[in-house]
Amino acid sequence: MSGKDAYRVLVVEDELPILDNLVRKIEASSLPFTVVGSARDGESGLAFLRENQVDLLVTDIRMPVMDGLKLLKEARELYPALKVLIISGYDEFSYAQEALRHGASDYLLKPVSADGLHKALEKLYADLRQAGRRGEREIVASGLAGKADFPDVPSSLTHRRYGLHLIAVGNLVHAGAAPTNEQ
């Protein structure tokens, strides 16, 4: 699925056939995810993340240049709320344990089945929606508290919905319902 309301996905995988397969499966999903970028190693993936906001990172663990675990750590430092799905050909508990310790949302083994990927994406979609609603409430609360600087608008919050939040805050301020800084 593509569109402005879709969650943005970056896929990082060094094996081109697997990369293409993952992109195809994510795009074919009935869930609102769109792949906005792909990379063949962690360093290229990190460079993409520095220039583009994404909601979900799907990455392999073992790759040249920079592995997926290092990418995970660096990406979570840039974007603490980023959801990360690890894909690995290694059925070793230590890999999964380290990935989860550094904030991975899920861990799938290769070969990734369409059903397994869909179930992981469903869980991530639910997590992203919940986080988005929490973010919207924080934006409105910031407006009601009279803070001039709004936080970065989450990509899941459409411009239209953000505008409606701003109008609502403006109406409350105009009506005198917003708290003031004076005690």
Protein backbone atom coordinates (compact mmCIF):
# COMPACT_ATOMS: atom_id res chain seq x y z
CA MET A 1 0.00 0.00 0.00
CA SER A 2 1.28 3.45 -0.76
CA GLY A 3 0.05 6.90 0.02
CA LYS A 4 0.57 9.83 2.27
CA ASP A 5 -1.16 8.14 5.22
CA ALA A 6 0.99 5.01 5.05
CA TYR A 7 3.75 4.25 7.52
CA ARG A 8 7.18 4.72 5.97
CA VAL A 9 9.52 1.71 5.85
CA LEU A 10 13.25 1.35 5.19
CA VAL A 11 14.48 -2.15 4.29
CA VAL A 12 18.19 -2.99 4.76
CA GLU A 13 19.41 -6.36 3.46
CA ASP A 14 22.68 -7.24 1.70
CA GLU A 15 21.30 -10.07 -0.45
CA LEU A 16 19.48 -8.49 -3.40
CA PRO A 17 16.94 -11.32 -4.02
CA ILE A 18 15.94 -11.27 -0.33
CA LEU A 19 15.80 -7.47 -0.31
CA ASP A 20 13.54 -7.43 -3.37
CA ASN A 21 11.35 -10.18 -1.86
CA LEU A 22 10.94 -8.28 1.43
CA VAL A 23 10.06 -5.05 -0.37
CA ARG A 24 7.53 -6.88 -2.55
CA LYS A 25 5.90 -8.60 0.45
CA ILE A 26 5.66 -5.37 2.46
CA GLU A 27 4.19 -3.45 -0.49
CA ALA A 28 1.71 -6.29 -1.19
CA SER A 29 0.48 -6.26 2.39
CA SER A 30 -3.02 -4.98 3.03
CA LEU A 31 -1.57 -2.89 5.86
CA PRO A 32 -0.73 0.80 5.36
CA PHE A 33 3.04 0.46 4.89
CA THR A 34 5.04 1.88 2.01
CA VAL A 35 8.71 1.18 1.40
CA VAL A 36 10.41 4.55 0.95
CA GLY A 37 13.97 3.26 0.75
CA SER A 38 16.26 0.27 0.70
CA ALA A 39 19.94 -0.27 1.34
CA ARG A 40 22.44 -3.11 0.98
CA ASP A 41 24.40 -2.45 4.19
CA GLY A 42 23.94 -0.80 7.56
CA GLU A 43 26.06 2.23 6.74
CA SER A 44 23.94 3.09 3.69
CA GLY A 45 20.81 2.45 5.74
CA LEU A 46 22.01 4.81 8.46
CA ALA A 47 22.80 7.49 5.86
CA PHE A 48 19.23 7.15 4.57
CA LEU A 49 17.85 7.46 8.10
CA ARG A 50 19.83 10.65 8.69
CA GLU A 51 18.13 12.25 5.67
CA ASN A 52 14.64 10.71 5.85
CA GLN A 53 12.09 10.06 8.56
CA VAL A 54 10.78 6.51 8.65
CA ASP A 55 8.43 4.72 11.02
CA LEU A 56 9.78 1.20 10.61
CA LEU A 57 13.24 -0.21 9.91
CA VAL A 58 13.40 -3.78 8.59
CA THR A 59 17.00 -5.00 8.69
CA ASP A 60 19.16 -8.08 8.39
CA ILE A 61 21.70 -8.69 11.16
CA ARG A 62 24.76 -9.98 9.27
CA MET A 63 25.82 -7.53 6.55
CA PRO A 64 29.08 -6.05 5.27
CA VAL A 65 30.33 -2.57 6.23
CA MET A 66 27.95 -2.17 9.21
CA ASP A 67 25.88 -5.01 10.62
CA GLY A 68 22.23 -4.78 11.57
CA LEU A 69 22.85 -4.71 15.32
CA LYS A 70 25.09 -1.65 15.02
CA LEU A 71 22.54 -0.08 12.66
CA LEU A 72 19.82 -0.81 15.24
CA LYS A 73 21.81 0.90 18.01
CA GLU A 74 22.63 3.96 15.87
CA ALA A 75 19.08 4.24 14.50
CA ARG A 76 17.54 4.08 17.98
CA GLU A 77 19.89 6.87 19.12
CA LEU A 78 18.63 9.03 16.24
CA TYR A 79 14.98 8.04 16.65
CA PRO A 80 14.18 6.45 20.02
CA ALA A 81 10.58 5.68 18.97
CA LEU A 82 11.60 3.94 15.72
CA LYS A 83 10.15 0.45 15.34
CA VAL A 84 12.69 -2.15 14.18
CA LEU A 85 12.04 -5.60 12.71
CA ILE A 86 15.14 -7.81 12.57
CA ILE A 87 15.44 -10.45 9.85
CA SER A 88 18.16 -13.06 10.29
CA GLY A 89 19.37 -16.31 8.84
CA TYR A 90 20.95 -17.18 12.18
CA ASP A 91 18.88 -19.16 14.65
CA GLU A 92 21.08 -18.22 17.58
CA PHE A 93 19.47 -16.96 20.75
CA SER A 94 22.32 -14.51 21.40
CA TYR A 95 21.51 -12.56 18.21
CA ALA A 96 17.84 -12.28 19.09
CA GLN A 97 18.63 -11.43 22.69
CA GLU A 98 21.02 -8.62 21.72
CA ALA A 99 18.58 -7.25 19.13
CA LEU A 100 15.75 -7.16 21.65
CA ARG A 101 18.01 -5.62 24.28
CA HIS A 102 18.73 -2.75 21.88
CA GLY A 103 15.06 -2.12 21.15
CA ALA A 104 14.09 -4.39 18.26
CA SER A 105 10.33 -4.85 18.12
CA ASP A 106 10.44 -8.33 16.59
CA TYR A 107 12.84 -10.92 15.17
CA LEU A 108 12.09 -13.17 12.19
CA LEU A 109 14.18 -16.00 10.79
CA LYS A 110 14.96 -16.42 7.09
CA PRO A 111 13.44 -17.56 4.91
CA VAL A 112 10.67 -15.14 5.83
CA SER A 113 7.23 -16.47 4.98
CA ALA A 114 4.53 -14.11 3.77
CA ASP A 115 2.37 -15.15 6.74
CA GLY A 116 5.15 -14.63 9.29
CA LEU A 117 5.97 -11.20 7.89
CA HIS A 118 2.30 -10.23 7.79
CA LYS A 119 1.81 -11.19 11.45
CA ALA A 120 4.87 -9.16 12.46
CA LEU A 121 3.63 -6.19 10.40
CA GLU A 122 0.19 -6.42 12.02
CA LYS A 123 1.77 -6.17 15.47
CA LEU A 124 4.00 -3.29 14.39
CA TYR A 125 1.03 -1.52 12.80
CA ALA A 126 -0.88 -1.73 16.10
CA ASP A 127 2.16 -0.42 17.99
CA LEU A 128 2.61 2.48 15.54
CA ARG A 129 -1.07 3.45 15.71
CA GLN A 130 -0.97 3.47 19.50
CA ALA A 131 2.22 5.54 19.53
CA GLY A 132 0.67 7.92 16.99
CA ARG A 133 -2.39 8.50 19.14
CA ARG A 134 -0.14 9.15 22.13
CA GLY A 135 1.86 11.63 20.02
CA GLU A 136 -1.30 13.44 18.91
CA ARG A 137 -2.38 13.86 22.52
CA GLU A 138 1.05 15.30 23.37
CA ILE A 139 0.79 17.81 20.51
CA VAL A 140 -2.63 19.00 21.70
CA ALA A 141 -1.43 19.12 25.32
CA SER A 142 1.54 21.26 24.23
CA GLY A 143 -0.83 23.67 22.53
CA LEU A 144 -3.12 23.84 25.53
CA ALA A 145 -0.16 24.49 27.81
CA GLY A 146 0.70 27.53 25.69
CA LYS A 147 3.99 26.18 24.40
CA ALA A 148 4.98 28.00 21.23
CA ASP A 149 7.15 25.21 19.86
CA PHE A 150 5.28 22.14 18.73
CA PRO A 151 7.24 18.90 18.58
CA ASP A 152 8.01 17.39 15.21
CA VAL A 153 4.81 16.12 13.69
CA PRO A 154 4.86 12.31 13.54
CA SER A 155 4.63 11.06 9.94
CA SER A 156 1.54 9.09 10.98
CA LEU A 157 -0.25 12.34 11.81
CA THR A 158 -1.55 13.65 8.51
CA HIS A 159 -1.35 17.35 7.72
CA ARG A 160 -5.14 17.53 7.75
CA ARG A 161 -5.44 16.00 11.23
CA TYR A 162 -2.57 18.16 12.49
CA GLY A 163 -4.37 21.21 11.11
CA LEU A 164 -7.57 20.19 12.88
CA HIS A 165 -5.64 19.85 16.15
CA LEU A 166 -4.19 23.34 15.66
CA ILE A 167 -7.64 24.80 14.91
CA ALA A 168 -9.05 23.15 18.04
CA VAL A 169 -6.21 24.54 20.14
CA GLY A 170 -6.67 27.98 18.58
CA ASN A 171 -10.39 27.95 19.32
CA LEU A 172 -9.74 26.96 22.92
CA VAL A 173 -7.16 29.71 23.32
CA HIS A 174 -9.49 32.27 21.73
CA ALA A 175 -12.33 31.18 24.02
CA GLY A 176 -10.08 31.56 27.05
CA ALA A 177 -10.09 27.85 27.86
CA ALA A 178 -6.34 27.41 27.60
CA PRO A 179 -4.30 27.75 30.77
CA THR A 180 -2.09 30.79 31.08
CA ASN A 181 1.40 31.06 32.46
CA GLU A 182 0.19 33.56 35.07
CA GLN A 183 -0.61 32.15 38.47
